[in-house]
Amino acid sequence: MWITLLLVFIFYFLDQLTKYLAQVHTPNNITAIPHFLTLDLHYNTGMAWSLFDDSTWLLVIISVVASVVLIYFCLKNDWKKAPLPALGLTMALGGCLGNLFDRAISITPLSQYRRGVVDMISFEPLNWISNLISGNDFPTFNLADTFLVIGLILFAVDLIFFAEKRQKNNEEATS
């Protein structure tokens, strides 16, 4: 459990630190790595692709429910027996909490500091692919989004490829 708490804190802290630095020190549209990575500050009041734009209360509720579900599964998971889903769930929780904090701040009197979820990463290869498919750039995102997506991918990979074998091994060990 301690490793989960520590990693959730680290993922959350890194997300909030990068958002703070983006707000304080980053003028818009800095090319960090030409043709690959651009830093471009945006405040997102919805989700990716402007879904549920200006539905902050709904997204806060969804984020709280998702956080509670992730906390439950994080506490149930055993790092020694299943490190991949434990890491995935921990990353997802850190990301979920990072964006929840931004959304919660944006509906309080402190909203002058956070007008929505702070997004700043623009990944040019994703823009190229998205433009081919839809004619639009890929949404700008943040570390919380990255942790959430990678975490859920790790969890899904474990569920698809390793969970059944692990369960069979556990059943054989207890028989």
N, C-alpha and C. Protein backbone atom coordinates (compact mmCIF):
# COMPACT_ATOMS: atom_id res chain seq x y z
N MET A 1 0.83 -1.19 0.00
CA MET A 1 0.00 0.00 0.00
C MET A 1 0.87 1.26 0.00
N TRP A 2 2.02 1.20 0.70
CA TRP A 2 2.87 2.38 0.77
C TRP A 2 3.44 2.76 -0.58
N ILE A 3 3.79 1.75 -1.36
CA ILE A 3 4.32 2.05 -2.70
C ILE A 3 3.24 2.70 -3.56
N THR A 4 2.00 2.27 -3.41
CA THR A 4 0.89 2.89 -4.15
C THR A 4 0.73 4.35 -3.76
N LEU A 5 0.71 4.62 -2.46
CA LEU A 5 0.57 6.01 -1.99
C LEU A 5 1.72 6.88 -2.48
N LEU A 6 2.94 6.35 -2.39
CA LEU A 6 4.11 7.11 -2.83
C LEU A 6 4.04 7.42 -4.32
N LEU A 7 3.73 6.41 -5.12
CA LEU A 7 3.67 6.63 -6.57
C LEU A 7 2.51 7.53 -6.98
N VAL A 8 1.36 7.38 -6.35
CA VAL A 8 0.24 8.29 -6.65
C VAL A 8 0.67 9.72 -6.36
N PHE A 9 1.32 9.93 -5.22
CA PHE A 9 1.80 11.28 -4.88
C PHE A 9 2.79 11.78 -5.93
N ILE A 10 3.74 10.93 -6.33
CA ILE A 10 4.74 11.34 -7.32
C ILE A 10 4.07 11.71 -8.65
N PHE A 11 3.16 10.86 -9.14
CA PHE A 11 2.48 11.16 -10.40
C PHE A 11 1.66 12.45 -10.29
N TYR A 12 0.94 12.60 -9.19
CA TYR A 12 0.14 13.81 -8.96
C TYR A 12 1.04 15.04 -8.89
N PHE A 13 2.13 14.93 -8.13
CA PHE A 13 3.06 16.06 -7.96
C PHE A 13 3.68 16.47 -9.30
N LEU A 14 4.15 15.50 -10.07
CA LEU A 14 4.75 15.82 -11.37
C LEU A 14 3.75 16.51 -12.29
N ASP A 15 2.51 16.05 -12.27
CA ASP A 15 1.46 16.67 -13.08
C ASP A 15 1.25 18.12 -12.64
N GLN A 16 1.06 18.34 -11.35
CA GLN A 16 0.79 19.69 -10.87
C GLN A 16 2.00 20.61 -11.05
N LEU A 17 3.20 20.08 -10.89
CA LEU A 17 4.42 20.88 -11.09
C LEU A 17 4.52 21.33 -12.54
N THR A 18 4.30 20.43 -13.48
CA THR A 18 4.39 20.82 -14.89
C THR A 18 3.28 21.81 -15.26
N LYS A 19 2.11 21.66 -14.68
CA LYS A 19 1.03 22.62 -14.95
C LYS A 19 1.37 23.99 -14.38
N TYR A 20 1.93 24.02 -13.19
CA TYR A 20 2.35 25.29 -12.58
C TYR A 20 3.43 25.96 -13.44
N LEU A 21 4.44 25.19 -13.81
CA LEU A 21 5.52 25.75 -14.63
C LEU A 21 5.00 26.24 -15.97
N ALA A 22 4.07 25.52 -16.56
CA ALA A 22 3.48 25.95 -17.83
C ALA A 22 2.75 27.28 -17.67
N GLN A 23 2.03 27.43 -16.56
CA GLN A 23 1.28 28.66 -16.34
C GLN A 23 2.20 29.84 -16.05
N VAL A 24 3.24 29.61 -15.28
CA VAL A 24 4.08 30.71 -14.81
C VAL A 24 5.20 31.06 -15.79
N HIS A 25 5.77 30.06 -16.42
CA HIS A 25 7.00 30.29 -17.18
C HIS A 25 6.92 30.03 -18.67
N THR A 26 5.81 29.55 -19.17
CA THR A 26 5.78 29.14 -20.56
C THR A 26 4.92 30.08 -21.40
N PRO A 27 5.57 30.88 -22.25
CA PRO A 27 4.75 31.59 -23.23
C PRO A 27 4.21 30.57 -24.22
N ASN A 28 3.14 30.92 -24.88
CA ASN A 28 2.50 29.95 -25.79
C ASN A 28 3.37 29.58 -26.97
N ASN A 29 3.17 28.37 -27.41
CA ASN A 29 3.72 27.85 -28.65
C ASN A 29 5.24 27.84 -28.69
N ILE A 30 5.85 27.16 -27.75
CA ILE A 30 7.30 26.95 -27.74
C ILE A 30 7.58 25.60 -28.38
N THR A 31 8.45 25.60 -29.37
CA THR A 31 8.86 24.34 -29.97
C THR A 31 9.98 23.76 -29.12
N ALA A 32 9.67 22.70 -28.39
CA ALA A 32 10.67 22.06 -27.53
C ALA A 32 11.59 21.17 -28.36
N ILE A 33 11.00 20.38 -29.25
CA ILE A 33 11.75 19.51 -30.16
C ILE A 33 11.10 19.71 -31.54
N PRO A 34 11.83 20.31 -32.49
CA PRO A 34 11.23 20.62 -33.79
C PRO A 34 10.57 19.40 -34.44
N HIS A 35 9.38 19.62 -34.97
CA HIS A 35 8.57 18.60 -35.67
C HIS A 35 8.19 17.43 -34.77
N PHE A 36 8.28 17.62 -33.46
CA PHE A 36 7.96 16.51 -32.55
C PHE A 36 7.14 16.96 -31.35
N LEU A 37 7.61 17.98 -30.62
CA LEU A 37 6.96 18.37 -29.37
C LEU A 37 6.90 19.89 -29.24
N THR A 38 5.68 20.39 -29.01
CA THR A 38 5.45 21.81 -28.80
C THR A 38 4.76 22.01 -27.46
N LEU A 39 5.12 23.06 -26.75
CA LEU A 39 4.45 23.42 -25.50
C LEU A 39 3.54 24.60 -25.79
N ASP A 40 2.26 24.42 -25.55
CA ASP A 40 1.25 25.42 -25.90
C ASP A 40 0.16 25.40 -24.83
N LEU A 41 0.13 26.41 -23.99
CA LEU A 41 -0.77 26.46 -22.83
C LEU A 41 -2.23 26.67 -23.24
N HIS A 42 -3.10 25.80 -22.71
CA HIS A 42 -4.55 25.90 -22.91
C HIS A 42 -5.25 25.55 -21.60
N TYR A 43 -6.43 26.14 -21.39
CA TYR A 43 -7.29 25.77 -20.26
C TYR A 43 -8.49 25.03 -20.85
N ASN A 44 -8.65 23.79 -20.48
CA ASN A 44 -9.68 22.94 -21.05
C ASN A 44 -10.84 22.83 -20.05
N THR A 45 -12.01 23.28 -20.44
CA THR A 45 -13.17 23.20 -19.55
C THR A 45 -14.01 21.96 -19.84
N GLY A 46 -13.51 21.12 -20.72
CA GLY A 46 -14.21 19.88 -21.04
C GLY A 46 -13.25 18.71 -20.98
N MET A 47 -13.40 17.82 -21.95
CA MET A 47 -12.50 16.68 -22.09
C MET A 47 -11.82 16.80 -23.45
N ALA A 48 -11.13 15.75 -23.86
CA ALA A 48 -10.48 15.75 -25.16
C ALA A 48 -11.50 16.02 -26.27
N TRP A 49 -11.02 16.68 -27.31
CA TRP A 49 -11.85 17.04 -28.46
C TRP A 49 -13.05 17.89 -28.05
N SER A 50 -12.92 18.64 -26.96
CA SER A 50 -13.96 19.56 -26.46
C SER A 50 -15.27 18.86 -26.08
N LEU A 51 -15.20 17.58 -25.80
CA LEU A 51 -16.39 16.88 -25.31
C LEU A 51 -16.78 17.43 -23.95
N PHE A 52 -18.04 17.60 -23.71
CA PHE A 52 -18.58 18.11 -22.45
C PHE A 52 -17.99 19.46 -22.08
N ASP A 53 -17.70 20.29 -23.08
CA ASP A 53 -17.14 21.61 -22.83
C ASP A 53 -18.07 22.40 -21.93
N ASP A 54 -17.51 23.05 -20.94
CA ASP A 54 -18.24 23.84 -19.94
C ASP A 54 -19.20 23.01 -19.10
N SER A 55 -18.93 21.73 -18.94
CA SER A 55 -19.71 20.86 -18.05
C SER A 55 -18.85 20.46 -16.86
N THR A 56 -18.24 21.45 -16.23
CA THR A 56 -17.24 21.18 -15.19
C THR A 56 -17.81 20.39 -14.04
N TRP A 57 -19.02 20.74 -13.59
CA TRP A 57 -19.60 20.01 -12.45
C TRP A 57 -19.78 18.53 -12.78
N LEU A 58 -20.28 18.24 -13.96
CA LEU A 58 -20.45 16.85 -14.38
C LEU A 58 -19.10 16.13 -14.41
N LEU A 59 -18.08 16.80 -14.94
CA LEU A 59 -16.75 16.18 -15.02
C LEU A 59 -16.11 16.02 -13.65
N VAL A 60 -16.41 16.93 -12.72
CA VAL A 60 -15.93 16.76 -11.33
C VAL A 60 -16.56 15.50 -10.73
N ILE A 61 -17.86 15.34 -10.92
CA ILE A 61 -18.56 14.16 -10.37
C ILE A 61 -18.00 12.88 -11.00
N ILE A 62 -17.83 12.88 -12.31
CA ILE A 62 -17.27 11.70 -12.99
C ILE A 62 -15.86 11.42 -12.47
N SER A 63 -15.06 12.46 -12.29
CA SER A 63 -13.68 12.29 -11.80
C SER A 63 -13.65 11.76 -10.37
N VAL A 64 -14.57 12.22 -9.53
CA VAL A 64 -14.64 11.73 -8.15
C VAL A 64 -15.01 10.24 -8.15
N VAL A 65 -16.02 9.88 -8.92
CA VAL A 65 -16.44 8.47 -9.00
C VAL A 65 -15.29 7.61 -9.53
N ALA A 66 -14.64 8.07 -10.60
CA ALA A 66 -13.51 7.31 -11.16
C ALA A 66 -12.38 7.18 -10.14
N SER A 67 -12.11 8.24 -9.38
CA SER A 67 -11.05 8.19 -8.37
C SER A 67 -11.38 7.19 -7.28
N VAL A 68 -12.63 7.17 -6.83
CA VAL A 68 -13.05 6.21 -5.80
C VAL A 68 -12.89 4.78 -6.31
N VAL A 69 -13.32 4.53 -7.54
CA VAL A 69 -13.18 3.19 -8.13
C VAL A 69 -11.70 2.81 -8.23
N LEU A 70 -10.87 3.73 -8.70
CA LEU A 70 -9.44 3.45 -8.82
C LEU A 70 -8.79 3.22 -7.46
N ILE A 71 -9.19 3.99 -6.45
CA ILE A 71 -8.66 3.79 -5.09
C ILE A 71 -9.01 2.38 -4.61
N TYR A 72 -10.25 1.98 -4.82
CA TYR A 72 -10.69 0.64 -4.41
C TYR A 72 -9.80 -0.43 -5.05
N PHE A 73 -9.61 -0.34 -6.37
CA PHE A 73 -8.81 -1.36 -7.06
C PHE A 73 -7.32 -1.26 -6.70
N CYS A 74 -6.84 -0.05 -6.46
CA CYS A 74 -5.44 0.10 -6.03
C CYS A 74 -5.22 -0.58 -4.69
N LEU A 75 -6.17 -0.42 -3.78
CA LEU A 75 -6.03 -1.03 -2.45
C LEU A 75 -6.17 -2.55 -2.52
N LYS A 76 -6.92 -3.06 -3.48
CA LYS A 76 -7.11 -4.50 -3.63
C LYS A 76 -5.92 -5.18 -4.29
N ASN A 77 -5.17 -4.42 -5.08
CA ASN A 77 -4.11 -5.01 -5.88
C ASN A 77 -2.88 -5.31 -5.04
N ASP A 78 -2.17 -6.38 -5.39
CA ASP A 78 -0.97 -6.82 -4.69
C ASP A 78 0.24 -6.60 -5.60
N TRP A 79 1.13 -5.69 -5.19
CA TRP A 79 2.30 -5.37 -6.00
C TRP A 79 3.19 -6.60 -6.22
N LYS A 80 3.28 -7.47 -5.23
CA LYS A 80 4.17 -8.64 -5.35
C LYS A 80 3.62 -9.67 -6.33
N LYS A 81 2.32 -9.87 -6.33
CA LYS A 81 1.72 -10.88 -7.21
C LYS A 81 1.40 -10.33 -8.60
N ALA A 82 1.08 -9.05 -8.69
CA ALA A 82 0.65 -8.47 -9.97
C ALA A 82 1.14 -7.03 -10.09
N PRO A 83 2.44 -6.84 -10.36
CA PRO A 83 2.97 -5.48 -10.41
C PRO A 83 2.47 -4.64 -11.60
N LEU A 84 2.20 -5.27 -12.73
CA LEU A 84 1.77 -4.51 -13.91
C LEU A 84 0.42 -3.83 -13.70
N PRO A 85 -0.61 -4.55 -13.26
CA PRO A 85 -1.87 -3.84 -13.03
C PRO A 85 -1.78 -2.88 -11.85
N ALA A 86 -0.96 -3.20 -10.86
CA ALA A 86 -0.79 -2.29 -9.73
C ALA A 86 -0.20 -0.96 -10.21
N LEU A 87 0.83 -1.03 -11.05
CA LEU A 87 1.42 0.19 -11.60
C LEU A 87 0.42 0.93 -12.48
N GLY A 88 -0.30 0.19 -13.32
CA GLY A 88 -1.28 0.82 -14.20
C GLY A 88 -2.37 1.55 -13.44
N LEU A 89 -2.93 0.91 -12.44
CA LEU A 89 -3.98 1.54 -11.64
C LEU A 89 -3.45 2.73 -10.86
N THR A 90 -2.22 2.63 -10.37
CA THR A 90 -1.60 3.72 -9.62
C THR A 90 -1.37 4.93 -10.53
N MET A 91 -0.86 4.68 -11.73
CA MET A 91 -0.67 5.78 -12.69
C MET A 91 -2.01 6.42 -13.04
N ALA A 92 -3.02 5.60 -13.30
CA ALA A 92 -4.34 6.12 -13.65
C ALA A 92 -4.91 6.97 -12.52
N LEU A 93 -4.74 6.52 -11.28
CA LEU A 93 -5.24 7.28 -10.14
C LEU A 93 -4.52 8.62 -10.01
N GLY A 94 -3.19 8.61 -10.15
CA GLY A 94 -2.44 9.87 -10.08
C GLY A 94 -2.91 10.85 -11.14
N GLY A 95 -3.14 10.37 -12.36
CA GLY A 95 -3.62 11.23 -13.43
C GLY A 95 -5.04 11.73 -13.19
N CYS A 96 -5.89 10.84 -12.73
CA CYS A 96 -7.28 11.20 -12.45
C CYS A 96 -7.35 12.29 -11.37
N LEU A 97 -6.55 12.13 -10.32
CA LEU A 97 -6.54 13.12 -9.23
C LEU A 97 -5.97 14.45 -9.71
N GLY A 98 -4.97 14.41 -10.59
CA GLY A 98 -4.40 15.65 -11.11
C GLY A 98 -5.42 16.48 -11.87
N ASN A 99 -6.18 15.85 -12.75
CA ASN A 99 -7.20 16.59 -13.50
C ASN A 99 -8.40 16.94 -12.63
N LEU A 100 -8.73 16.09 -11.66
CA LEU A 100 -9.81 16.40 -10.72
C LEU A 100 -9.49 17.68 -9.95
N PHE A 101 -8.24 17.80 -9.49
CA PHE A 101 -7.84 19.01 -8.76
C PHE A 101 -8.06 20.25 -9.61
N ASP A 102 -7.62 20.21 -10.87
CA ASP A 102 -7.80 21.37 -11.75
C ASP A 102 -9.28 21.71 -11.93
N ARG A 103 -10.09 20.69 -12.15
CA ARG A 103 -11.53 20.93 -12.34
C ARG A 103 -12.16 21.50 -11.07
N ALA A 104 -11.78 20.94 -9.93
CA ALA A 104 -12.36 21.42 -8.66
C ALA A 104 -11.96 22.87 -8.40
N ILE A 105 -10.71 23.22 -8.66
CA ILE A 105 -10.27 24.60 -8.46
C ILE A 105 -11.03 25.55 -9.38
N SER A 106 -11.33 25.10 -10.60
CA SER A 106 -11.97 25.98 -11.58
C SER A 106 -13.41 26.33 -11.22
N ILE A 107 -14.01 25.65 -10.24
CA ILE A 107 -15.39 25.98 -9.85
C ILE A 107 -15.45 26.62 -8.47
N THR A 108 -14.29 27.09 -7.98
CA THR A 108 -14.22 27.77 -6.69
C THR A 108 -13.80 29.21 -6.91
N PRO A 109 -13.77 30.02 -5.84
CA PRO A 109 -13.26 31.39 -5.99
C PRO A 109 -11.80 31.44 -6.45
N LEU A 110 -11.08 30.33 -6.36
CA LEU A 110 -9.69 30.28 -6.81
C LEU A 110 -9.58 30.08 -8.32
N SER A 111 -10.72 30.15 -9.02
CA SER A 111 -10.72 29.87 -10.46
C SER A 111 -9.85 30.85 -11.25
N GLN A 112 -9.50 31.97 -10.65
CA GLN A 112 -8.60 32.89 -11.35
C GLN A 112 -7.23 32.26 -11.59
N TYR A 113 -6.89 31.24 -10.80
CA TYR A 113 -5.61 30.56 -10.96
C TYR A 113 -5.69 29.35 -11.88
N ARG A 114 -6.85 28.77 -11.99
CA ARG A 114 -7.06 27.61 -12.87
C ARG A 114 -8.44 27.75 -13.50
N ARG A 115 -8.49 28.11 -14.75
CA ARG A 115 -9.77 28.31 -15.44
C ARG A 115 -10.28 27.02 -16.07
N GLY A 116 -9.64 25.93 -15.78
CA GLY A 116 -9.99 24.62 -16.32
C GLY A 116 -8.79 23.71 -16.14
N VAL A 117 -8.82 22.57 -16.78
CA VAL A 117 -7.67 21.66 -16.73
C VAL A 117 -6.56 22.28 -17.58
N VAL A 118 -5.38 22.38 -17.00
CA VAL A 118 -4.23 22.97 -17.69
C VAL A 118 -3.63 21.93 -18.64
N ASP A 119 -3.66 22.25 -19.92
CA ASP A 119 -3.05 21.40 -20.95
C ASP A 119 -1.93 22.18 -21.61
N MET A 120 -0.83 21.48 -21.93
CA MET A 120 0.29 22.20 -22.53
C MET A 120 1.13 21.39 -23.51
N ILE A 121 0.88 20.11 -23.64
CA ILE A 121 1.72 19.26 -24.49
C ILE A 121 1.02 19.04 -25.83
N SER A 122 1.73 19.39 -26.88
CA SER A 122 1.24 19.13 -28.24
C SER A 122 2.27 18.25 -28.93
N PHE A 123 1.87 17.04 -29.23
CA PHE A 123 2.76 16.03 -29.79
C PHE A 123 2.53 16.00 -31.30
N GLU A 124 3.48 16.53 -32.06
CA GLU A 124 3.31 16.72 -33.50
C GLU A 124 2.96 15.45 -34.29
N PRO A 125 3.56 14.28 -34.00
CA PRO A 125 3.14 13.08 -34.74
C PRO A 125 1.65 12.76 -34.57
N LEU A 126 1.11 13.00 -33.37
CA LEU A 126 -0.32 12.78 -33.16
C LEU A 126 -1.15 13.80 -33.95
N ASN A 127 -0.65 15.05 -34.03
CA ASN A 127 -1.34 16.06 -34.84
C ASN A 127 -1.40 15.63 -36.30
N TRP A 128 -0.30 15.11 -36.81
CA TRP A 128 -0.23 14.68 -38.20
C TRP A 128 -1.25 13.57 -38.47
N ILE A 129 -1.29 12.56 -37.60
CA ILE A 129 -2.23 11.44 -37.77
C ILE A 129 -3.67 11.93 -37.64
N SER A 130 -3.93 12.76 -36.63
CA SER A 130 -5.28 13.28 -36.41
C SER A 130 -5.74 14.12 -37.60
N ASN A 131 -4.84 14.92 -38.16
CA ASN A 131 -5.19 15.72 -39.34
C ASN A 131 -5.53 14.86 -40.54
N LEU A 132 -4.81 13.76 -40.70
CA LEU A 132 -5.12 12.84 -41.80
C LEU A 132 -6.51 12.25 -41.66
N ILE A 133 -6.87 11.91 -40.42
CA ILE A 133 -8.14 11.23 -40.16
C ILE A 133 -9.31 12.21 -40.11
N SER A 134 -9.14 13.29 -39.34
CA SER A 134 -10.28 14.17 -39.07
C SER A 134 -10.14 15.59 -39.59
N GLY A 135 -8.94 15.97 -40.00
CA GLY A 135 -8.72 17.35 -40.43
C GLY A 135 -8.46 18.30 -39.28
N ASN A 136 -8.40 17.78 -38.04
CA ASN A 136 -8.16 18.60 -36.86
C ASN A 136 -6.90 18.14 -36.14
N ASP A 137 -6.27 19.08 -35.41
CA ASP A 137 -5.13 18.70 -34.58
C ASP A 137 -5.57 17.79 -33.45
N PHE A 138 -4.66 16.97 -32.98
CA PHE A 138 -4.90 16.16 -31.79
C PHE A 138 -4.97 17.11 -30.60
N PRO A 139 -5.84 16.85 -29.62
CA PRO A 139 -5.96 17.77 -28.49
C PRO A 139 -4.65 17.93 -27.71
N THR A 140 -4.43 19.14 -27.24
CA THR A 140 -3.32 19.39 -26.33
C THR A 140 -3.62 18.65 -25.04
N PHE A 141 -2.60 18.12 -24.37
CA PHE A 141 -2.83 17.32 -23.18
C PHE A 141 -1.79 17.64 -22.11
N ASN A 142 -1.82 16.92 -21.00
CA ASN A 142 -0.92 17.16 -19.88
C ASN A 142 -0.39 15.83 -19.34
N LEU A 143 0.46 15.89 -18.32
CA LEU A 143 1.00 14.66 -17.75
C LEU A 143 -0.09 13.79 -17.12
N ALA A 144 -1.10 14.41 -16.51
CA ALA A 144 -2.18 13.62 -15.91
C ALA A 144 -2.86 12.76 -16.97
N ASP A 145 -3.12 13.34 -18.12
CA ASP A 145 -3.73 12.58 -19.22
C ASP A 145 -2.82 11.42 -19.63
N THR A 146 -1.52 11.71 -19.71
CA THR A 146 -0.54 10.70 -20.09
C THR A 146 -0.52 9.56 -19.09
N PHE A 147 -0.46 9.91 -17.79
CA PHE A 147 -0.45 8.87 -16.75
C PHE A 147 -1.73 8.05 -16.80
N LEU A 148 -2.85 8.71 -16.99
CA LEU A 148 -4.15 8.03 -17.02
C LEU A 148 -4.22 7.04 -18.20
N VAL A 149 -3.84 7.49 -19.37
CA VAL A 149 -3.91 6.62 -20.56
C VAL A 149 -2.91 5.47 -20.47
N ILE A 150 -1.66 5.77 -20.14
CA ILE A 150 -0.66 4.70 -20.03
C ILE A 150 -1.04 3.72 -18.94
N GLY A 151 -1.54 4.24 -17.81
CA GLY A 151 -1.96 3.37 -16.72
C GLY A 151 -3.07 2.42 -17.13
N LEU A 152 -4.07 2.93 -17.83
CA LEU A 152 -5.17 2.08 -18.27
C LEU A 152 -4.73 1.08 -19.34
N ILE A 153 -3.77 1.48 -20.18
CA ILE A 153 -3.22 0.54 -21.16
C ILE A 153 -2.48 -0.59 -20.45
N LEU A 154 -1.66 -0.26 -19.45
CA LEU A 154 -0.95 -1.30 -18.69
C LEU A 154 -1.93 -2.25 -18.02
N PHE A 155 -2.99 -1.69 -17.44
CA PHE A 155 -4.00 -2.52 -16.79
C PHE A 155 -4.68 -3.44 -17.81
N ALA A 156 -5.03 -2.89 -18.97
CA ALA A 156 -5.69 -3.69 -20.01
C ALA A 156 -4.76 -4.78 -20.55
N VAL A 157 -3.49 -4.45 -20.76
CA VAL A 157 -2.52 -5.46 -21.23
C VAL A 157 -2.44 -6.61 -20.24
N ASP A 158 -2.38 -6.28 -18.95
CA ASP A 158 -2.34 -7.34 -17.94
C ASP A 158 -3.62 -8.16 -17.97
N LEU A 159 -4.74 -7.49 -18.05
CA LEU A 159 -6.03 -8.19 -18.06
C LEU A 159 -6.15 -9.13 -19.26
N ILE A 160 -5.69 -8.69 -20.41
CA ILE A 160 -5.81 -9.49 -21.63
C ILE A 160 -4.80 -10.64 -21.68
N PHE A 161 -3.56 -10.36 -21.28
CA PHE A 161 -2.49 -11.34 -21.51
C PHE A 161 -2.01 -12.11 -20.28
N PHE A 162 -2.17 -11.55 -19.08
CA PHE A 162 -1.52 -12.18 -17.92
C PHE A 162 -2.46 -12.57 -16.78
N ALA A 163 -3.60 -11.94 -16.66
CA ALA A 163 -4.46 -12.15 -15.49
C ALA A 163 -4.95 -13.59 -15.39
N GLU A 164 -5.36 -14.17 -16.51
CA GLU A 164 -5.89 -15.54 -16.47
C GLU A 164 -4.80 -16.53 -16.05
N LYS A 165 -3.62 -16.38 -16.59
CA LYS A 165 -2.51 -17.27 -16.23
C LYS A 165 -2.16 -17.12 -14.74
N ARG A 166 -2.14 -15.88 -14.27
CA ARG A 166 -1.84 -15.62 -12.86
C ARG A 166 -2.91 -16.26 -11.97
N GLN A 167 -4.17 -16.16 -12.38
CA GLN A 167 -5.26 -16.75 -11.60
C GLN A 167 -5.13 -18.27 -11.56
N LYS A 168 -4.79 -18.88 -12.69
CA LYS A 168 -4.59 -20.34 -12.73
C LYS A 168 -3.44 -20.75 -11.82
N ASN A 169 -2.35 -20.00 -11.86
CA ASN A 169 -1.20 -20.29 -10.99
C ASN A 169 -1.57 -20.17 -9.52
N ASN A 170 -2.37 -19.16 -9.18
CA ASN A 170 -2.81 -18.98 -7.79
C ASN A 170 -3.71 -20.13 -7.36
N GLU A 171 -4.61 -20.57 -8.26
CA GLU A 171 -5.50 -21.69 -7.93
C GLU A 171 -4.71 -22.98 -7.75
N GLU A 172 -3.71 -23.20 -8.59
CA GLU A 172 -2.87 -24.40 -8.46
C GLU A 172 -2.06 -24.36 -7.17
N ALA A 173 -1.60 -23.19 -6.80
CA ALA A 173 -0.79 -23.05 -5.59
C ALA A 173 -1.62 -23.30 -4.33
N THR A 174 -2.91 -22.96 -4.38
CA THR A 174 -3.77 -23.17 -3.21
C THR A 174 -4.40 -24.55 -3.18
N SER A 175 -4.30 -25.30 -4.29
CA SER A 175 -4.89 -26.65 -4.34
C SER A 175 -4.01 -27.68 -3.67
